[in-house]
Amino acid sequence: MTFARIPPVHCLLAFEAVARLRSVTQAADELNVTPSAVSHRIRQLESQLGVALLARGDFALTADGAAYLAHVREGLAALAQLPGRDPGQHATRLRVSVTPTFSRQLLLPRLALFRHAYPDIDLTLQVAGPTAETSPEPADLELRFGTGPFAGRESVRIQSDEVSPVCSPAYLQEAGLDGGFESAAAIARAKLIRTGPLEPWRTWFAFCGLDLPEPSGGAQFNDLGLALDAAVAGFGVALMRLKLGADWLDSGRLVRLSARSAPSPQHYFLCWKPGALERWECAAFVEWLKTALA
């Protein structure tokens, strides 16, 4: 076995620190070396690998850098394990507060990748409402839904989406909506399923150039997944986030009423208290989820 292609550990440590802190100066302070030494180690690593890992302006990860960072962190975590010790007895715990539909539809199908990349992290998921300002239990990272920013929290946007009206195939025929859903007349024929501030109907109305008020009657749900399930059950028309609701469309349980889609003003963010990303496990999860959803 040859180890000629394995980069020096001090170069890997410099890369991990800069990727996490987004600062050569802060990485130098953490590693107790000069900023020029950190920059030299990054250049040495990139030269050996033959790829650019960090953008020169803001130290954001390149696509190659994001992929390599997962391997670097896994390798460093393995090196930190003492021989003869059970890794499970020394696992790092990470608590993440998540919203129900996002975690079920988008996070859990990808979570095995995180477990394999970071076997030394014991992950605990705690469900909270999508617009909750605080988690019901203490969490290291919080998934939040809205427009941001969030008081007392640093954050990164991890997903934006577009919305379009959907209903069940049966309700499509029942309400006579075959002709589309972009006119006031078509909308007046339908029962609109409401989700309060999560995805207000005014987003679709404005997109269609309609001066209509937010509906005040009809079924209402405080979870986007429940609203889509209600549409499957024939409650009416729901405004779907297309990435979030892909499974409902792919399975045929719901159909789109328009080929057009409107950008949603609401986004998903990962949030944390200032200083939390100094912990490697928090930084690792943030970078992994950003990459997994890209």
C-alpha atoms as a PDB file:
ATOM      1  CA  MET A   1       0.000   0.000   0.000  1.00  0.00           C
ATOM      2  CA  THR A   2       1.304   3.462  -0.919  1.00  0.00           C
ATOM      3  CA  PHE A   3       0.501   6.637   1.002  1.00  0.00           C
ATOM      4  CA  ALA A   4       2.165   9.094  -1.367  1.00  0.00           C
ATOM      5  CA  ARG A   5      -1.170  10.714  -2.332  1.00  0.00           C
ATOM      6  CA  ILE A   6      -2.369  11.264   1.236  1.00  0.00           C
ATOM      7  CA  PRO A   7      -2.015  14.986   2.063  1.00  0.00           C
ATOM      8  CA  PRO A   8      -0.246  16.059   5.285  1.00  0.00           C
ATOM      9  CA  VAL A   9      -2.541  16.216   8.300  1.00  0.00           C
ATOM     10  CA  HIS A  10      -1.631  19.876   8.988  1.00  0.00           C
ATOM     11  CA  CYS A  11      -2.965  20.751   5.517  1.00  0.00           C
ATOM     12  CA  LEU A  12      -6.201  18.872   6.176  1.00  0.00           C
ATOM     13  CA  LEU A  13      -6.634  20.621   9.537  1.00  0.00           C
ATOM     14  CA  ALA A  14      -6.117  24.008   7.889  1.00  0.00           C
ATOM     15  CA  PHE A  15      -8.683  23.227   5.188  1.00  0.00           C
ATOM     16  CA  GLU A  16     -11.275  22.022   7.690  1.00  0.00           C
ATOM     17  CA  ALA A  17     -10.812  25.100   9.885  1.00  0.00           C
ATOM     18  CA  VAL A  18     -11.082  27.599   7.015  1.00  0.00           C
ATOM     19  CA  ALA A  19     -14.115  25.786   5.570  1.00  0.00           C
ATOM     20  CA  ARG A  20     -15.821  25.921   8.954  1.00  0.00           C
ATOM     21  CA  LEU A  21     -14.857  29.447  10.016  1.00  0.00           C
ATOM     22  CA  ARG A  22     -14.780  31.113   6.579  1.00  0.00           C
ATOM     23  CA  SER A  23     -11.732  33.046   7.760  1.00  0.00           C
ATOM     24  CA  VAL A  24      -7.994  32.452   7.416  1.00  0.00           C
ATOM     25  CA  THR A  25      -7.350  34.695  10.419  1.00  0.00           C
ATOM     26  CA  GLN A  26      -9.736  32.799  12.705  1.00  0.00           C
ATOM     27  CA  ALA A  27      -8.399  29.474  11.447  1.00  0.00           C
ATOM     28  CA  ALA A  28      -4.856  30.649  12.200  1.00  0.00           C
ATOM     29  CA  ASP A  29      -5.865  31.615  15.751  1.00  0.00           C
ATOM     30  CA  GLU A  30      -7.493  28.225  16.279  1.00  0.00           C
ATOM     31  CA  LEU A  31      -4.475  26.318  14.930  1.00  0.00           C
ATOM     32  CA  ASN A  32      -1.990  28.606  16.685  1.00  0.00           C
ATOM     33  CA  VAL A  33      -0.116  29.475  13.480  1.00  0.00           C
ATOM     34  CA  THR A  34       0.130  32.564  11.278  1.00  0.00           C
ATOM     35  CA  PRO A  35      -2.481  33.385   8.605  1.00  0.00           C
ATOM     36  CA  SER A  36       0.204  33.053   5.931  1.00  0.00           C
ATOM     37  CA  ALA A  37       0.939  29.525   7.158  1.00  0.00           C
ATOM     38  CA  VAL A  38      -2.738  28.610   6.825  1.00  0.00           C
ATOM     39  CA  SER A  39      -2.877  30.049   3.292  1.00  0.00           C
ATOM     40  CA  HIS A  40       0.270  28.131   2.356  1.00  0.00           C
ATOM     41  CA  ARG A  41      -1.200  24.872   3.661  1.00  0.00           C
ATOM     42  CA  ILE A  42      -4.394  25.377   1.662  1.00  0.00           C
ATOM     43  CA  ARG A  43      -2.404  26.052  -1.516  1.00  0.00           C
ATOM     44  CA  GLN A  44      -0.261  22.987  -0.836  1.00  0.00           C
ATOM     45  CA  LEU A  45      -3.372  20.823  -0.406  1.00  0.00           C
ATOM     46  CA  GLU A  46      -5.009  22.151  -3.576  1.00  0.00           C
ATOM     47  CA  SER A  47      -1.783  21.677  -5.521  1.00  0.00           C
ATOM     48  CA  GLN A  48      -1.449  18.075  -4.382  1.00  0.00           C
ATOM     49  CA  LEU A  49      -5.088  17.280  -5.153  1.00  0.00           C
ATOM     50  CA  GLY A  50      -5.125  19.236  -8.408  1.00  0.00           C
ATOM     51  CA  VAL A  51      -8.470  20.947  -7.638  1.00  0.00           C
ATOM     52  CA  ALA A  52      -9.645  24.242  -6.122  1.00  0.00           C
ATOM     53  CA  LEU A  53     -11.274  23.658  -2.735  1.00  0.00           C
ATOM     54  CA  LEU A  54     -12.137  27.206  -1.671  1.00  0.00           C
ATOM     55  CA  ALA A  55     -13.236  30.327  -3.525  1.00  0.00           C
ATOM     56  CA  ARG A  56     -10.578  32.988  -3.196  1.00  0.00           C
ATOM     57  CA  GLY A  57     -12.968  35.838  -2.368  1.00  0.00           C
ATOM     58  CA  ASP A  58     -15.094  34.621   0.538  1.00  0.00           C
ATOM     59  CA  PHE A  59     -13.614  31.162   1.223  1.00  0.00           C
ATOM     60  CA  ALA A  60     -16.872  29.492   0.186  1.00  0.00           C
ATOM     61  CA  LEU A  61     -16.503  25.828  -0.699  1.00  0.00           C
ATOM     62  CA  THR A  62     -16.306  24.843  -4.336  1.00  0.00           C
ATOM     63  CA  ALA A  63     -18.221  21.746  -5.425  1.00  0.00           C
ATOM     64  CA  ASP A  64     -15.001  19.714  -5.141  1.00  0.00           C
ATOM     65  CA  GLY A  65     -14.292  21.320  -1.769  1.00  0.00           C
ATOM     66  CA  ALA A  66     -17.714  20.416  -0.352  1.00  0.00           C
ATOM     67  CA  ALA A  67     -17.341  16.806  -1.464  1.00  0.00           C
ATOM     68  CA  TYR A  68     -13.788  16.537  -0.123  1.00  0.00           C
ATOM     69  CA  LEU A  69     -14.643  18.199   3.196  1.00  0.00           C
ATOM     70  CA  ALA A  70     -16.923  15.304   4.145  1.00  0.00           C
ATOM     71  CA  HIS A  71     -14.044  12.843   3.633  1.00  0.00           C
ATOM     72  CA  VAL A  72     -11.611  15.075   5.528  1.00  0.00           C
ATOM     73  CA  ARG A  73     -13.893  15.349   8.556  1.00  0.00           C
ATOM     74  CA  GLU A  74     -14.567  11.619   8.522  1.00  0.00           C
ATOM     75  CA  GLY A  75     -10.825  10.925   8.375  1.00  0.00           C
ATOM     76  CA  LEU A  76      -9.953  13.379  11.138  1.00  0.00           C
ATOM     77  CA  ALA A  77     -12.686  11.930  13.334  1.00  0.00           C
ATOM     78  CA  ALA A  78     -11.280   8.438  12.751  1.00  0.00           C
ATOM     79  CA  LEU A  79      -7.776   9.590  13.666  1.00  0.00           C
ATOM     80  CA  ALA A  80      -9.122  11.075  16.891  1.00  0.00           C
ATOM     81  CA  GLN A  81     -10.389   7.670  18.041  1.00  0.00           C
ATOM     82  CA  LEU A  82      -8.152   5.910  20.513  1.00  0.00           C
ATOM     83  CA  PRO A  83      -7.267   2.257  19.720  1.00  0.00           C
ATOM     84  CA  GLY A  84      -9.329  -0.302  21.564  1.00  0.00           C
ATOM     85  CA  ARG A  85     -12.132   2.106  22.379  1.00  0.00           C
ATOM     86  CA  ASP A  86     -15.710   1.558  21.283  1.00  0.00           C
ATOM     87  CA  PRO A  87     -16.583   4.508  19.027  1.00  0.00           C
ATOM     88  CA  GLY A  88     -20.182   4.376  20.209  1.00  0.00           C
ATOM     89  CA  GLN A  89     -19.070   5.147  23.756  1.00  0.00           C
ATOM     90  CA  HIS A  90     -17.408   8.381  22.616  1.00  0.00           C
ATOM     91  CA  ALA A  91     -19.871   9.546  19.986  1.00  0.00           C
ATOM     92  CA  THR A  92     -20.522  13.251  19.604  1.00  0.00           C
ATOM     93  CA  ARG A  93     -24.165  14.135  20.137  1.00  0.00           C
ATOM     94  CA  LEU A  94     -25.937  16.568  17.822  1.00  0.00           C
ATOM     95  CA  ARG A  95     -29.515  17.703  18.410  1.00  0.00           C
ATOM     96  CA  VAL A  96     -31.376  19.179  15.437  1.00  0.00           C
ATOM     97  CA  SER A  97     -34.855  20.664  15.629  1.00  0.00           C
ATOM     98  CA  VAL A  98     -36.775  19.938  12.408  1.00  0.00           C
ATOM     99  CA  THR A  99     -40.201  20.573  10.902  1.00  0.00           C
ATOM    100  CA  PRO A 100     -42.392  17.524  10.260  1.00  0.00           C
ATOM    101  CA  THR A 101     -43.013  17.567   6.498  1.00  0.00           C
ATOM    102  CA  PHE A 102     -39.505  18.731   5.553  1.00  0.00           C
ATOM    103  CA  SER A 103     -37.887  16.040   7.682  1.00  0.00           C
ATOM    104  CA  ARG A 104     -40.175  13.308   6.361  1.00  0.00           C
ATOM    105  CA  GLN A 105     -39.977  14.231   2.670  1.00  0.00           C
ATOM    106  CA  LEU A 106     -36.512  15.726   2.204  1.00  0.00           C
ATOM    107  CA  LEU A 107     -34.279  14.994   5.188  1.00  0.00           C
ATOM    108  CA  LEU A 108     -34.917  11.366   6.162  1.00  0.00           C
ATOM    109  CA  PRO A 109     -34.440   9.950   2.627  1.00  0.00           C
ATOM    110  CA  ARG A 110     -30.920  11.457   2.640  1.00  0.00           C
ATOM    111  CA  LEU A 111     -29.999  10.845   6.269  1.00  0.00           C
ATOM    112  CA  ALA A 112     -28.264   7.521   5.659  1.00  0.00           C
ATOM    113  CA  LEU A 113     -25.627   9.443   3.688  1.00  0.00           C
ATOM    114  CA  PHE A 114     -24.915  11.605   6.730  1.00  0.00           C
ATOM    115  CA  ARG A 115     -24.730   8.574   9.018  1.00  0.00           C
ATOM    116  CA  HIS A 116     -22.179   6.907   6.754  1.00  0.00           C
ATOM    117  CA  ALA A 117     -20.137  10.097   6.355  1.00  0.00           C
ATOM    118  CA  TYR A 118     -20.117  10.876  10.092  1.00  0.00           C
ATOM    119  CA  PRO A 119     -20.496   7.615  12.033  1.00  0.00           C
ATOM    120  CA  ASP A 120     -19.160   9.275  15.200  1.00  0.00           C
ATOM    121  CA  ILE A 121     -22.101  11.690  15.420  1.00  0.00           C
ATOM    122  CA  ASP A 122     -25.173  10.535  17.329  1.00  0.00           C
ATOM    123  CA  LEU A 123     -27.974  12.533  15.718  1.00  0.00           C
ATOM    124  CA  THR A 124     -31.187  13.371  17.558  1.00  0.00           C
ATOM    125  CA  LEU A 125     -34.073  14.907  15.592  1.00  0.00           C
ATOM    126  CA  GLN A 126     -36.685  16.882  17.515  1.00  0.00           C
ATOM    127  CA  VAL A 127     -39.914  17.928  15.782  1.00  0.00           C
ATOM    128  CA  ALA A 128     -41.056  21.543  16.121  1.00  0.00           C
ATOM    129  CA  GLY A 129     -43.616  23.692  14.326  1.00  0.00           C
ATOM    130  CA  PRO A 130     -42.339  25.320  11.113  1.00  0.00           C
ATOM    131  CA  THR A 131     -42.811  28.875  12.401  1.00  0.00           C
ATOM    132  CA  ALA A 132     -41.845  28.256  16.030  1.00  0.00           C
ATOM    133  CA  GLU A 133     -39.462  30.915  17.369  1.00  0.00           C
ATOM    134  CA  THR A 134     -37.951  28.490  19.858  1.00  0.00           C
ATOM    135  CA  SER A 135     -37.592  24.722  19.969  1.00  0.00           C
ATOM    136  CA  PRO A 136     -39.646  22.846  22.589  1.00  0.00           C
ATOM    137  CA  GLU A 137     -36.377  21.202  23.662  1.00  0.00           C
ATOM    138  CA  PRO A 138     -32.827  22.608  23.546  1.00  0.00           C
ATOM    139  CA  ALA A 139     -31.264  22.040  20.112  1.00  0.00           C
ATOM    140  CA  ASP A 140     -27.843  22.692  18.611  1.00  0.00           C
ATOM    141  CA  LEU A 141     -29.318  23.493  15.186  1.00  0.00           C
ATOM    142  CA  GLU A 142     -32.854  24.536  14.267  1.00  0.00           C
ATOM    143  CA  LEU A 143     -34.651  24.170  10.951  1.00  0.00           C
ATOM    144  CA  ARG A 144     -36.912  27.177  10.463  1.00  0.00           C
ATOM    145  CA  PHE A 145     -39.351  28.254   7.791  1.00  0.00           C
ATOM    146  CA  GLY A 146     -39.986  31.855   6.831  1.00  0.00           C
ATOM    147  CA  THR A 147     -38.351  34.903   5.328  1.00  0.00           C
ATOM    148  CA  GLY A 148     -35.588  35.446   7.922  1.00  0.00           C
ATOM    149  CA  PRO A 149     -33.594  36.832   9.604  1.00  0.00           C
ATOM    150  CA  PHE A 150     -34.333  35.307  13.015  1.00  0.00           C
ATOM    151  CA  ALA A 151     -33.752  37.150  16.270  1.00  0.00           C
ATOM    152  CA  GLY A 152     -30.773  35.889  18.249  1.00  0.00           C
ATOM    153  CA  ARG A 153     -29.782  33.377  15.575  1.00  0.00           C
ATOM    154  CA  GLU A 154     -27.292  33.109  12.753  1.00  0.00           C
ATOM    155  CA  SER A 155     -28.634  31.239   9.754  1.00  0.00           C
ATOM    156  CA  VAL A 156     -28.066  29.937   6.248  1.00  0.00           C
ATOM    157  CA  ARG A 157     -30.771  29.435   3.637  1.00  0.00           C
ATOM    158  CA  ILE A 158     -30.805  25.791   2.588  1.00  0.00           C
ATOM    159  CA  GLN A 159     -33.778  25.635   0.239  1.00  0.00           C
ATOM    160  CA  SER A 160     -36.066  27.879  -1.769  1.00  0.00           C
ATOM    161  CA  ASP A 161     -39.062  26.607  -3.706  1.00  0.00           C
ATOM    162  CA  GLU A 162     -41.897  27.483  -6.054  1.00  0.00           C
ATOM    163  CA  VAL A 163     -45.614  27.006  -5.461  1.00  0.00           C
ATOM    164  CA  SER A 164     -48.445  25.863  -7.691  1.00  0.00           C
ATOM    165  CA  PRO A 165     -52.068  24.823  -7.009  1.00  0.00           C
ATOM    166  CA  VAL A 166     -52.868  21.106  -6.796  1.00  0.00           C
ATOM    167  CA  CYS A 167     -55.854  18.897  -6.049  1.00  0.00           C
ATOM    168  CA  SER A 168     -56.877  15.251  -6.249  1.00  0.00           C
ATOM    169  CA  PRO A 169     -57.886  13.808  -9.654  1.00  0.00           C
ATOM    170  CA  ALA A 170     -61.408  13.280  -8.312  1.00  0.00           C
ATOM    171  CA  TYR A 171     -61.763  16.868  -7.105  1.00  0.00           C
ATOM    172  CA  LEU A 172     -60.445  18.117 -10.446  1.00  0.00           C
ATOM    173  CA  GLN A 173     -63.491  16.598 -12.148  1.00  0.00           C
ATOM    174  CA  GLU A 174     -65.905  17.456  -9.335  1.00  0.00           C
ATOM    175  CA  ALA A 175     -65.094  21.178  -9.377  1.00  0.00           C
ATOM    176  CA  GLY A 176     -64.686  21.411 -13.153  1.00  0.00           C
ATOM    177  CA  LEU A 177     -61.162  22.800 -13.008  1.00  0.00           C
ATOM    178  CA  ASP A 178     -59.863  21.275 -16.249  1.00  0.00           C
ATOM    179  CA  GLY A 179     -59.513  24.721 -17.784  1.00  0.00           C
ATOM    180  CA  GLY A 180     -56.722  25.883 -15.448  1.00  0.00           C
ATOM    181  CA  PHE A 181     -56.458  27.855 -12.252  1.00  0.00           C
ATOM    182  CA  GLU A 182     -55.205  31.303 -13.158  1.00  0.00           C
ATOM    183  CA  SER A 183     -58.477  33.257 -13.396  1.00  0.00           C
ATOM    184  CA  ALA A 184     -60.786  34.635 -10.721  1.00  0.00           C
ATOM    185  CA  ALA A 185     -63.648  32.552 -12.158  1.00  0.00           C
ATOM    186  CA  ALA A 186     -61.742  29.272 -11.812  1.00  0.00           C
ATOM    187  CA  ILE A 187     -60.582  30.112  -8.300  1.00  0.00           C
ATOM    188  CA  ALA A 188     -64.150  31.004  -7.272  1.00  0.00           C
ATOM    189  CA  ARG A 189     -65.303  27.479  -8.212  1.00  0.00           C
ATOM    190  CA  ALA A 190     -62.851  25.813  -5.820  1.00  0.00           C
ATOM    191  CA  LYS A 191     -62.566  25.305  -2.103  1.00  0.00           C
ATOM    192  CA  LEU A 192     -59.160  26.658  -1.117  1.00  0.00           C
ATOM    193  CA  ILE A 193     -57.221  24.793   1.569  1.00  0.00           C
ATOM    194  CA  ARG A 194     -55.483  27.296   3.819  1.00  0.00           C
ATOM    195  CA  THR A 195     -52.166  27.001   5.677  1.00  0.00           C
ATOM    196  CA  GLY A 196     -52.190  30.417   7.375  1.00  0.00           C
ATOM    197  CA  PRO A 197     -48.821  32.162   7.170  1.00  0.00           C
ATOM    198  CA  LEU A 198     -47.011  29.081   5.811  1.00  0.00           C
ATOM    199  CA  GLU A 199     -48.038  29.485   2.157  1.00  0.00           C
ATOM    200  CA  PRO A 200     -50.649  32.234   1.828  1.00  0.00           C
ATOM    201  CA  TRP A 201     -52.788  32.238  -1.305  1.00  0.00           C
ATOM    202  CA  ARG A 202     -51.899  35.854  -2.028  1.00  0.00           C
ATOM    203  CA  THR A 203     -48.600  34.582  -3.495  1.00  0.00           C
ATOM    204  CA  TRP A 204     -50.530  32.795  -6.256  1.00  0.00           C
ATOM    205  CA  PHE A 205     -53.079  35.573  -6.683  1.00  0.00           C
ATOM    206  CA  ALA A 206     -50.373  38.183  -7.195  1.00  0.00           C
ATOM    207  CA  PHE A 207     -48.485  35.908  -9.587  1.00  0.00           C
ATOM    208  CA  CYS A 208     -51.637  35.609 -11.715  1.00  0.00           C
ATOM    209  CA  GLY A 209     -52.270  39.368 -11.565  1.00  0.00           C
ATOM    210  CA  LEU A 210     -55.438  38.936  -9.519  1.00  0.00           C
ATOM    211  CA  ASP A 211     -56.542  41.400  -6.844  1.00  0.00           C
ATOM    212  CA  LEU A 212     -58.176  38.849  -4.570  1.00  0.00           C
ATOM    213  CA  PRO A 213     -58.251  38.796  -0.750  1.00  0.00           C
ATOM    214  CA  GLU A 214     -56.750  36.002   1.292  1.00  0.00           C
ATOM    215  CA  PRO A 215     -59.524  33.410   1.817  1.00  0.00           C
ATOM    216  CA  SER A 216     -61.122  33.560   5.259  1.00  0.00           C
ATOM    217  CA  GLY A 217     -63.104  30.315   5.149  1.00  0.00           C
ATOM    218  CA  GLY A 218     -62.458  26.675   4.390  1.00  0.00           C
ATOM    219  CA  ALA A 219     -60.261  23.996   5.893  1.00  0.00           C
ATOM    220  CA  GLN A 220     -57.000  25.182   7.442  1.00  0.00           C
ATOM    221  CA  PHE A 221     -53.891  23.254   8.539  1.00  0.00           C
ATOM    222  CA  ASN A 222     -50.699  24.359  10.270  1.00  0.00           C
ATOM    223  CA  ASP A 223     -48.537  21.796   8.449  1.00  0.00           C
ATOM    224  CA  LEU A 224     -47.866  21.729   4.708  1.00  0.00           C
ATOM    225  CA  GLY A 225     -47.921  17.933   4.553  1.00  0.00           C
ATOM    226  CA  LEU A 226     -51.303  17.765   6.270  1.00  0.00           C
ATOM    227  CA  ALA A 227     -52.677  20.297   3.795  1.00  0.00           C
ATOM    228  CA  LEU A 228     -51.528  18.099   0.892  1.00  0.00           C
ATOM    229  CA  ASP A 229     -53.043  15.010   2.512  1.00  0.00           C
ATOM    230  CA  ALA A 230     -56.285  16.966   2.904  1.00  0.00           C
ATOM    231  CA  ALA A 231     -56.188  17.751  -0.810  1.00  0.00           C
ATOM    232  CA  VAL A 232     -55.780  14.028  -1.523  1.00  0.00           C
ATOM    233  CA  ALA A 233     -58.888  13.421   0.597  1.00  0.00           C
ATOM    234  CA  GLY A 234     -60.894  15.843  -1.539  1.00  0.00           C
ATOM    235  CA  PHE A 235     -60.977  18.872   0.770  1.00  0.00           C
ATOM    236  CA  GLY A 236     -60.187  21.176  -2.151  1.00  0.00           C
ATOM    237  CA  VAL A 237     -57.183  22.882  -3.747  1.00  0.00           C
ATOM    238  CA  ALA A 238     -53.877  23.301  -1.913  1.00  0.00           C
ATOM    239  CA  LEU A 239     -50.931  25.524  -2.757  1.00  0.00           C
ATOM    240  CA  MET A 240     -48.009  23.106  -3.007  1.00  0.00           C
ATOM    241  CA  ARG A 241     -44.280  23.709  -2.631  1.00  0.00           C
ATOM    242  CA  LEU A 242     -43.137  21.679  -5.613  1.00  0.00           C
ATOM    243  CA  LYS A 243     -39.896  20.259  -4.178  1.00  0.00           C
ATOM    244  CA  LEU A 244     -41.530  19.460  -0.857  1.00  0.00           C
ATOM    245  CA  GLY A 245     -44.579  17.851  -2.467  1.00  0.00           C
ATOM    246  CA  ALA A 246     -42.873  15.910  -5.260  1.00  0.00           C
ATOM    247  CA  ASP A 247     -43.957  12.539  -3.819  1.00  0.00           C
ATOM    248  CA  TRP A 248     -47.648  13.489  -3.935  1.00  0.00           C
ATOM    249  CA  LEU A 249     -47.313  14.402  -7.623  1.00  0.00           C
ATOM    250  CA  ASP A 250     -45.121  11.438  -8.578  1.00  0.00           C
ATOM    251  CA  SER A 251     -47.583   9.003  -7.013  1.00  0.00           C
ATOM    252  CA  GLY A 252     -50.543  10.558  -8.833  1.00  0.00           C
ATOM    253  CA  ARG A 253     -52.362  11.352  -5.606  1.00  0.00           C
ATOM    254  CA  LEU A 254     -52.368  15.009  -6.583  1.00  0.00           C
ATOM    255  CA  VAL A 255     -52.308  16.766  -9.951  1.00  0.00           C
ATOM    256  CA  ARG A 256     -51.237  20.280 -10.854  1.00  0.00           C
ATOM    257  CA  LEU A 257     -53.867  22.777 -11.979  1.00  0.00           C
ATOM    258  CA  SER A 258     -51.344  24.986 -13.759  1.00  0.00           C
ATOM    259  CA  ALA A 259     -48.110  24.418 -15.627  1.00  0.00           C
ATOM    260  CA  ARG A 260     -46.833  27.690 -14.139  1.00  0.00           C
ATOM    261  CA  SER A 261     -45.321  28.148 -10.690  1.00  0.00           C
ATOM    262  CA  ALA A 262     -44.676  31.188  -8.507  1.00  0.00           C
ATOM    263  CA  PRO A 263     -41.552  31.757  -6.399  1.00  0.00           C
ATOM    264  CA  SER A 264     -42.439  31.382  -2.750  1.00  0.00           C
ATOM    265  CA  PRO A 265     -41.354  34.210  -0.426  1.00  0.00           C
ATOM    266  CA  GLN A 266     -40.793  31.594   2.283  1.00  0.00           C
ATOM    267  CA  HIS A 267     -37.578  29.605   2.564  1.00  0.00           C
ATOM    268  CA  TYR A 268     -36.060  26.907   4.767  1.00  0.00           C
ATOM    269  CA  PHE A 269     -33.149  27.976   6.959  1.00  0.00           C
ATOM    270  CA  LEU A 270     -30.783  26.231   9.351  1.00  0.00           C
ATOM    271  CA  CYS A 271     -30.316  28.426  12.413  1.00  0.00           C
ATOM    272  CA  TRP A 272     -27.973  28.384  15.396  1.00  0.00           C
ATOM    273  CA  LYS A 273     -26.902  30.499  18.314  1.00  0.00           C
ATOM    274  CA  PRO A 274     -23.759  32.581  17.648  1.00  0.00           C
ATOM    275  CA  GLY A 275     -20.654  30.458  18.194  1.00  0.00           C
ATOM    276  CA  ALA A 276     -22.342  27.084  17.612  1.00  0.00           C
ATOM    277  CA  LEU A 277     -20.462  26.466  14.351  1.00  0.00           C
ATOM    278  CA  GLU A 278     -17.195  26.410  16.270  1.00  0.00           C
ATOM    279  CA  ARG A 279     -18.243  22.874  17.141  1.00  0.00           C
ATOM    280  CA  TRP A 280     -17.170  20.607  14.310  1.00  0.00           C
ATOM    281  CA  GLU A 281     -20.317  18.478  14.387  1.00  0.00           C
ATOM    282  CA  CYS A 282     -22.576  21.520  13.905  1.00  0.00           C
ATOM    283  CA  ALA A 283     -20.454  22.807  11.029  1.00  0.00           C
ATOM    284  CA  ALA A 284     -20.387  19.330   9.475  1.00  0.00           C
ATOM    285  CA  PHE A 285     -24.188  18.995   9.485  1.00  0.00           C
ATOM    286  CA  VAL A 286     -24.731  22.460   8.008  1.00  0.00           C
ATOM    287  CA  GLU A 287     -22.298  21.844   5.153  1.00  0.00           C
ATOM    288  CA  TRP A 288     -23.634  18.329   4.550  1.00  0.00           C
ATOM    289  CA  LEU A 289     -27.285  19.453   4.331  1.00  0.00           C
ATOM    290  CA  LYS A 290     -26.469  22.350   2.027  1.00  0.00           C
ATOM    291  CA  THR A 291     -24.678  19.949  -0.296  1.00  0.00           C
ATOM    292  CA  ALA A 292     -27.318  17.208  -0.024  1.00  0.00           C
ATOM    293  CA  LEU A 293     -30.106  19.593  -1.060  1.00  0.00           C
ATOM    294  CA  ALA A 294     -28.135  21.356  -3.801  1.00  0.00           C
END
